[in-house]
């Protein structure tokens, strides 16, 4: 088994993403309500308008109930389900491109919710960009953990620095730095 070190870095923009997603969800729900009440299509039956509207209202109530209870994982799952249902409502009511845009934004939101881990192994380093970046040891001048600051120094003079979250599996600085020094020497 290959030795590895995992550093979880804080997602500093997560709160912004949550607020932006909630704003888009509310605007999406308001658009559905506006579509159903003010731009009714006379060729459709009345019951066809109320079924998606009822689904949207019930999901909105459920979303705010979960958000009020502050269960983050349940909130994300419920938000995703509610946004998907609103997209289906847009698909049924038209225009279809709003449904597609809504689904794309939900996918981006789910991508922003992932845990950001820097994984240092004997063969490479995985950096949590989008898509994940695989950094080879021969691309680096140095990789060091000092006073809780992880510094990745590239040969092209680029530097990445992060303060990893303090977790139980955070390695000792001396052990980690010795591991990195050995990898840098053998890859040169």
C-alpha atoms as a PDB file:
ATOM      1  CA  UNK A   1       0.000   0.000   0.000  1.00  0.00           C
ATOM      2  CA  UNK A   2       1.356   3.358  -1.053  1.00  0.00           C
ATOM      3  CA  UNK A   3       1.809   5.862   1.805  1.00  0.00           C
ATOM      4  CA  UNK A   4      -0.233   9.032   1.438  1.00  0.00           C
ATOM      5  CA  UNK A   5      -1.119  12.175   3.322  1.00  0.00           C
ATOM      6  CA  UNK A   6      -4.474  13.922   3.001  1.00  0.00           C
ATOM      7  CA  UNK A   7      -5.001  17.599   3.767  1.00  0.00           C
ATOM      8  CA  UNK A   8      -8.518  19.017   3.798  1.00  0.00           C
ATOM      9  CA  UNK A   9      -8.533  22.671   2.865  1.00  0.00           C
ATOM     10  CA  UNK A  10     -11.444  24.947   3.739  1.00  0.00           C
ATOM     11  CA  UNK A  11     -13.804  25.941   0.956  1.00  0.00           C
ATOM     12  CA  UNK A  12     -13.867  29.680   1.663  1.00  0.00           C
ATOM     13  CA  UNK A  13     -16.469  30.417  -1.010  1.00  0.00           C
ATOM     14  CA  UNK A  14     -18.972  27.789   0.160  1.00  0.00           C
ATOM     15  CA  UNK A  15     -21.167  30.310   1.970  1.00  0.00           C
ATOM     16  CA  UNK A  16     -21.306  32.493  -1.158  1.00  0.00           C
ATOM     17  CA  UNK A  17     -22.248  29.456  -3.286  1.00  0.00           C
ATOM     18  CA  UNK A  18     -25.027  28.521  -0.843  1.00  0.00           C
ATOM     19  CA  UNK A  19     -26.509  32.018  -0.887  1.00  0.00           C
ATOM     20  CA  UNK A  20     -26.226  32.321  -4.656  1.00  0.00           C
ATOM     21  CA  UNK A  21     -27.878  28.902  -5.135  1.00  0.00           C
ATOM     22  CA  UNK A  22     -30.713  29.853  -2.781  1.00  0.00           C
ATOM     23  CA  UNK A  23     -31.217  33.127  -4.665  1.00  0.00           C
ATOM     24  CA  UNK A  24     -31.370  31.269  -7.992  1.00  0.00           C
ATOM     25  CA  UNK A  25     -33.781  28.744  -6.498  1.00  0.00           C
ATOM     26  CA  UNK A  26     -36.104  31.479  -5.215  1.00  0.00           C
ATOM     27  CA  UNK A  27     -35.950  33.290  -8.577  1.00  0.00           C
ATOM     28  CA  UNK A  28     -36.662  29.998 -10.336  1.00  0.00           C
ATOM     29  CA  UNK A  29     -39.672  29.308  -8.076  1.00  0.00           C
ATOM     30  CA  UNK A  30     -40.901  32.896  -8.557  1.00  0.00           C
ATOM     31  CA  UNK A  31     -40.570  32.447 -12.313  1.00  0.00           C
ATOM     32  CA  UNK A  32     -42.652  29.275 -12.167  1.00  0.00           C
ATOM     33  CA  UNK A  33     -45.331  31.055 -10.117  1.00  0.00           C
ATOM     34  CA  UNK A  34     -45.319  33.982 -12.536  1.00  0.00           C
ATOM     35  CA  UNK A  35     -45.556  31.614 -15.482  1.00  0.00           C
ATOM     36  CA  UNK A  36     -48.527  29.759 -14.044  1.00  0.00           C
ATOM     37  CA  UNK A  37     -50.522  32.762 -12.825  1.00  0.00           C
ATOM     38  CA  UNK A  38     -49.897  35.390 -15.489  1.00  0.00           C
ATOM     39  CA  UNK A  39     -48.992  33.537 -18.663  1.00  0.00           C
ATOM     40  CA  UNK A  40     -51.465  30.680 -18.754  1.00  0.00           C
ATOM     41  CA  UNK A  41     -51.658  28.785 -22.010  1.00  0.00           C
ATOM     42  CA  UNK A  42     -55.349  28.509 -22.903  1.00  0.00           C
ATOM     43  CA  UNK A  43     -54.875  25.284 -24.865  1.00  0.00           C
ATOM     44  CA  UNK A  44     -53.760  23.298 -21.792  1.00  0.00           C
ATOM     45  CA  UNK A  45     -56.251  21.932 -19.318  1.00  0.00           C
ATOM     46  CA  UNK A  46     -56.517  23.681 -15.954  1.00  0.00           C
ATOM     47  CA  UNK A  47     -55.383  20.612 -14.014  1.00  0.00           C
ATOM     48  CA  UNK A  48     -52.174  20.520 -16.033  1.00  0.00           C
ATOM     49  CA  UNK A  49     -51.245  23.923 -14.579  1.00  0.00           C
ATOM     50  CA  UNK A  50     -51.931  23.105 -10.956  1.00  0.00           C
ATOM     51  CA  UNK A  51     -50.050  19.813 -10.633  1.00  0.00           C
ATOM     52  CA  UNK A  52     -46.557  21.254 -11.274  1.00  0.00           C
ATOM     53  CA  UNK A  53     -47.437  24.361  -9.264  1.00  0.00           C
ATOM     54  CA  UNK A  54     -48.472  22.233  -6.272  1.00  0.00           C
ATOM     55  CA  UNK A  55     -45.267  20.210  -6.534  1.00  0.00           C
ATOM     56  CA  UNK A  56     -43.173  23.390  -6.644  1.00  0.00           C
ATOM     57  CA  UNK A  57     -44.930  24.902  -3.604  1.00  0.00           C
ATOM     58  CA  UNK A  58     -44.635  21.682  -1.561  1.00  0.00           C
ATOM     59  CA  UNK A  59     -40.946  21.358  -2.365  1.00  0.00           C
ATOM     60  CA  UNK A  60     -40.340  24.993  -1.476  1.00  0.00           C
ATOM     61  CA  UNK A  61     -42.026  24.497   1.916  1.00  0.00           C
ATOM     62  CA  UNK A  62     -39.993  21.327   2.498  1.00  0.00           C
ATOM     63  CA  UNK A  63     -36.748  23.104   1.552  1.00  0.00           C
ATOM     64  CA  UNK A  64     -37.322  25.904   4.043  1.00  0.00           C
ATOM     65  CA  UNK A  65     -38.254  23.347   6.726  1.00  0.00           C
ATOM     66  CA  UNK A  66     -34.943  21.536   6.224  1.00  0.00           C
ATOM     67  CA  UNK A  67     -33.021  24.818   6.120  1.00  0.00           C
ATOM     68  CA  UNK A  68     -34.697  25.906   9.356  1.00  0.00           C
ATOM     69  CA  UNK A  69     -33.625  22.655  11.039  1.00  0.00           C
ATOM     70  CA  UNK A  70     -30.045  23.365   9.854  1.00  0.00           C
ATOM     71  CA  UNK A  71     -29.238  19.848   8.671  1.00  0.00           C
ATOM     72  CA  UNK A  72     -26.674  20.667   6.021  1.00  0.00           C
ATOM     73  CA  UNK A  73     -26.450  17.332   4.169  1.00  0.00           C
ATOM     74  CA  UNK A  74     -30.233  16.962   4.146  1.00  0.00           C
ATOM     75  CA  UNK A  75     -30.474  20.575   2.982  1.00  0.00           C
ATOM     76  CA  UNK A  76     -28.179  19.926   0.004  1.00  0.00           C
ATOM     77  CA  UNK A  77     -30.072  16.758  -1.001  1.00  0.00           C
ATOM     78  CA  UNK A  78     -33.424  18.500  -0.619  1.00  0.00           C
ATOM     79  CA  UNK A  79     -32.238  21.576  -2.487  1.00  0.00           C
ATOM     80  CA  UNK A  80     -31.016  19.401  -5.351  1.00  0.00           C
ATOM     81  CA  UNK A  81     -34.309  17.499  -5.497  1.00  0.00           C
ATOM     82  CA  UNK A  82     -36.342  20.716  -5.341  1.00  0.00           C
ATOM     83  CA  UNK A  83     -34.255  22.382  -8.061  1.00  0.00           C
ATOM     84  CA  UNK A  84     -34.612  19.280 -10.226  1.00  0.00           C
ATOM     85  CA  UNK A  85     -38.414  19.355  -9.746  1.00  0.00           C
ATOM     86  CA  UNK A  86     -38.498  23.044 -10.661  1.00  0.00           C
ATOM     87  CA  UNK A  87     -36.557  22.176 -13.811  1.00  0.00           C
ATOM     88  CA  UNK A  88     -39.174  19.562 -14.658  1.00  0.00           C
ATOM     89  CA  UNK A  89     -41.865  22.208 -14.103  1.00  0.00           C
ATOM     90  CA  UNK A  90     -40.058  24.508 -16.553  1.00  0.00           C
ATOM     91  CA  UNK A  91     -39.771  21.642 -19.010  1.00  0.00           C
ATOM     92  CA  UNK A  92     -43.528  21.023 -18.804  1.00  0.00           C
ATOM     93  CA  UNK A  93     -44.541  24.682 -18.830  1.00  0.00           C
ATOM     94  CA  UNK A  94     -41.872  25.976 -21.186  1.00  0.00           C
ATOM     95  CA  UNK A  95     -39.545  27.431 -22.210  1.00  0.00           C
ATOM     96  CA  UNK A  96     -37.315  24.345 -22.162  1.00  0.00           C
ATOM     97  CA  UNK A  97     -34.014  26.258 -22.131  1.00  0.00           C
ATOM     98  CA  UNK A  98     -34.717  27.531 -18.602  1.00  0.00           C
ATOM     99  CA  UNK A  99     -34.995  23.907 -17.461  1.00  0.00           C
ATOM    100  CA  UNK A 100     -31.637  23.132 -19.069  1.00  0.00           C
ATOM    101  CA  UNK A 101     -29.986  26.198 -17.525  1.00  0.00           C
ATOM    102  CA  UNK A 102     -31.413  25.306 -14.119  1.00  0.00           C
ATOM    103  CA  UNK A 103     -30.042  21.754 -14.322  1.00  0.00           C
ATOM    104  CA  UNK A 104     -26.596  23.022 -15.334  1.00  0.00           C
ATOM    105  CA  UNK A 105     -26.538  25.404 -12.351  1.00  0.00           C
ATOM    106  CA  UNK A 106     -27.522  22.563 -10.000  1.00  0.00           C
ATOM    107  CA  UNK A 107     -24.626  20.470 -11.327  1.00  0.00           C
ATOM    108  CA  UNK A 108     -22.206  23.363 -10.727  1.00  0.00           C
ATOM    109  CA  UNK A 109     -23.612  23.820  -7.221  1.00  0.00           C
ATOM    110  CA  UNK A 110     -23.076  20.148  -6.393  1.00  0.00           C
ATOM    111  CA  UNK A 111     -19.506  20.434  -7.668  1.00  0.00           C
ATOM    112  CA  UNK A 112     -18.917  23.404  -5.373  1.00  0.00           C
ATOM    113  CA  UNK A 113     -20.107  21.416  -2.339  1.00  0.00           C
ATOM    114  CA  UNK A 114     -17.414  18.748  -2.548  1.00  0.00           C
ATOM    115  CA  UNK A 115     -14.741  18.414   0.094  1.00  0.00           C
ATOM    116  CA  UNK A 116     -11.402  19.877  -1.032  1.00  0.00           C
ATOM    117  CA  UNK A 117      -8.574  17.423  -0.322  1.00  0.00           C
ATOM    118  CA  UNK A 118      -4.919  17.682  -1.284  1.00  0.00           C
ATOM    119  CA  UNK A 119      -3.596  14.114  -1.460  1.00  0.00           C
ATOM    120  CA  UNK A 120       0.159  13.618  -1.343  1.00  0.00           C
ATOM    121  CA  UNK A 121       1.329  10.149  -2.410  1.00  0.00           C
ATOM    122  CA  UNK A 122       4.660   8.573  -3.252  1.00  0.00           C
ATOM    123  CA  UNK A 123       4.060   8.952  -6.998  1.00  0.00           C
ATOM    124  CA  UNK A 124       2.184  12.285  -7.282  1.00  0.00           C
ATOM    125  CA  UNK A 125       0.086  14.998  -5.624  1.00  0.00           C
ATOM    126  CA  UNK A 126      -3.617  15.437  -6.370  1.00  0.00           C
ATOM    127  CA  UNK A 127      -4.812  19.032  -6.120  1.00  0.00           C
ATOM    128  CA  UNK A 128      -8.590  19.670  -5.858  1.00  0.00           C
ATOM    129  CA  UNK A 129      -9.093  22.030  -8.783  1.00  0.00           C
ATOM    130  CA  UNK A 130     -11.863  21.464 -11.297  1.00  0.00           C
ATOM    131  CA  UNK A 131     -10.930  19.036 -12.835  1.00  0.00           C
ATOM    132  CA  UNK A 132      -8.554  17.555 -10.282  1.00  0.00           C
ATOM    133  CA  UNK A 133      -4.943  18.306 -11.086  1.00  0.00           C
ATOM    134  CA  UNK A 134      -2.329  15.565 -10.858  1.00  0.00           C
ATOM    135  CA  UNK A 135       1.045  17.111  -9.997  1.00  0.00           C
ATOM    136  CA  UNK A 136       4.165  15.027 -10.547  1.00  0.00           C
ATOM    137  CA  UNK A 137       7.063  15.339  -8.108  1.00  0.00           C
ATOM    138  CA  UNK A 138       9.440  16.430 -10.883  1.00  0.00           C
ATOM    139  CA  UNK A 139       7.315  19.586 -11.390  1.00  0.00           C
ATOM    140  CA  UNK A 140       8.129  20.800  -7.858  1.00  0.00           C
ATOM    141  CA  UNK A 141      10.968  22.667  -6.193  1.00  0.00           C
ATOM    142  CA  UNK A 142       9.563  22.054  -2.739  1.00  0.00           C
ATOM    143  CA  UNK A 143       6.543  20.835  -0.781  1.00  0.00           C
ATOM    144  CA  UNK A 144       6.582  21.724   2.880  1.00  0.00           C
ATOM    145  CA  UNK A 145       4.316  21.914   5.922  1.00  0.00           C
ATOM    146  CA  UNK A 146       5.504  24.588   8.361  1.00  0.00           C
ATOM    147  CA  UNK A 147       3.517  26.073  11.250  1.00  0.00           C
ATOM    148  CA  UNK A 148       0.304  24.610   9.790  1.00  0.00           C
ATOM    149  CA  UNK A 149       0.868  26.203   6.353  1.00  0.00           C
ATOM    150  CA  UNK A 150       1.133  23.810   3.406  1.00  0.00           C
ATOM    151  CA  UNK A 151       3.265  25.302   0.614  1.00  0.00           C
ATOM    152  CA  UNK A 152       3.565  23.821  -2.872  1.00  0.00           C
ATOM    153  CA  UNK A 153       6.450  25.473  -4.765  1.00  0.00           C
ATOM    154  CA  UNK A 154       6.591  24.722  -8.486  1.00  0.00           C
ATOM    155  CA  UNK A 155       9.663  24.886 -10.730  1.00  0.00           C
ATOM    156  CA  UNK A 156       7.875  27.477 -12.895  1.00  0.00           C
ATOM    157  CA  UNK A 157       7.868  29.840  -9.854  1.00  0.00           C
ATOM    158  CA  UNK A 158       4.171  29.316  -9.061  1.00  0.00           C
ATOM    159  CA  UNK A 159       3.314  28.851  -5.398  1.00  0.00           C
ATOM    160  CA  UNK A 160       0.156  27.449  -3.809  1.00  0.00           C
ATOM    161  CA  UNK A 161      -0.376  27.877  -0.065  1.00  0.00           C
ATOM    162  CA  UNK A 162      -3.175  26.646   2.169  1.00  0.00           C
ATOM    163  CA  UNK A 163      -3.878  26.293   5.868  1.00  0.00           C
ATOM    164  CA  UNK A 164      -5.333  22.778   6.109  1.00  0.00           C
ATOM    165  CA  UNK A 165      -8.224  22.205   8.486  1.00  0.00           C
ATOM    166  CA  UNK A 166      -7.089  20.688  11.770  1.00  0.00           C
ATOM    167  CA  UNK A 167      -8.231  17.086  11.723  1.00  0.00           C
ATOM    168  CA  UNK A 168      -7.084  14.021  13.619  1.00  0.00           C
ATOM    169  CA  UNK A 169      -5.256  12.579  10.581  1.00  0.00           C
ATOM    170  CA  UNK A 170      -3.080  15.686  10.026  1.00  0.00           C
ATOM    171  CA  UNK A 171       0.508  14.399   9.894  1.00  0.00           C
ATOM    172  CA  UNK A 172       3.427  15.644  11.941  1.00  0.00           C
ATOM    173  CA  UNK A 173       5.432  18.346  10.206  1.00  0.00           C
ATOM    174  CA  UNK A 174       8.751  16.559  10.633  1.00  0.00           C
ATOM    175  CA  UNK A 175       7.437  13.239   9.275  1.00  0.00           C
ATOM    176  CA  UNK A 176       5.681  14.874   6.316  1.00  0.00           C
ATOM    177  CA  UNK A 177       8.594  17.147   5.383  1.00  0.00           C
ATOM    178  CA  UNK A 178      11.035  14.211   5.472  1.00  0.00           C
ATOM    179  CA  UNK A 179       8.708  12.204   3.204  1.00  0.00           C
ATOM    180  CA  UNK A 180       8.515  15.122   0.734  1.00  0.00           C
ATOM    181  CA  UNK A 181      12.261  15.736   0.829  1.00  0.00           C
ATOM    182  CA  UNK A 182      12.904  12.080  -0.063  1.00  0.00           C
ATOM    183  CA  UNK A 183      10.426  12.220  -2.949  1.00  0.00           C
ATOM    184  CA  UNK A 184      11.929  15.456  -4.307  1.00  0.00           C
ATOM    185  CA  UNK A 185      15.468  14.039  -4.174  1.00  0.00           C
ATOM    186  CA  UNK A 186      14.511  10.816  -5.978  1.00  0.00           C
ATOM    187  CA  UNK A 187      12.483  12.618  -8.678  1.00  0.00           C
ATOM    188  CA  UNK A 188      15.256  15.078  -9.587  1.00  0.00           C
END
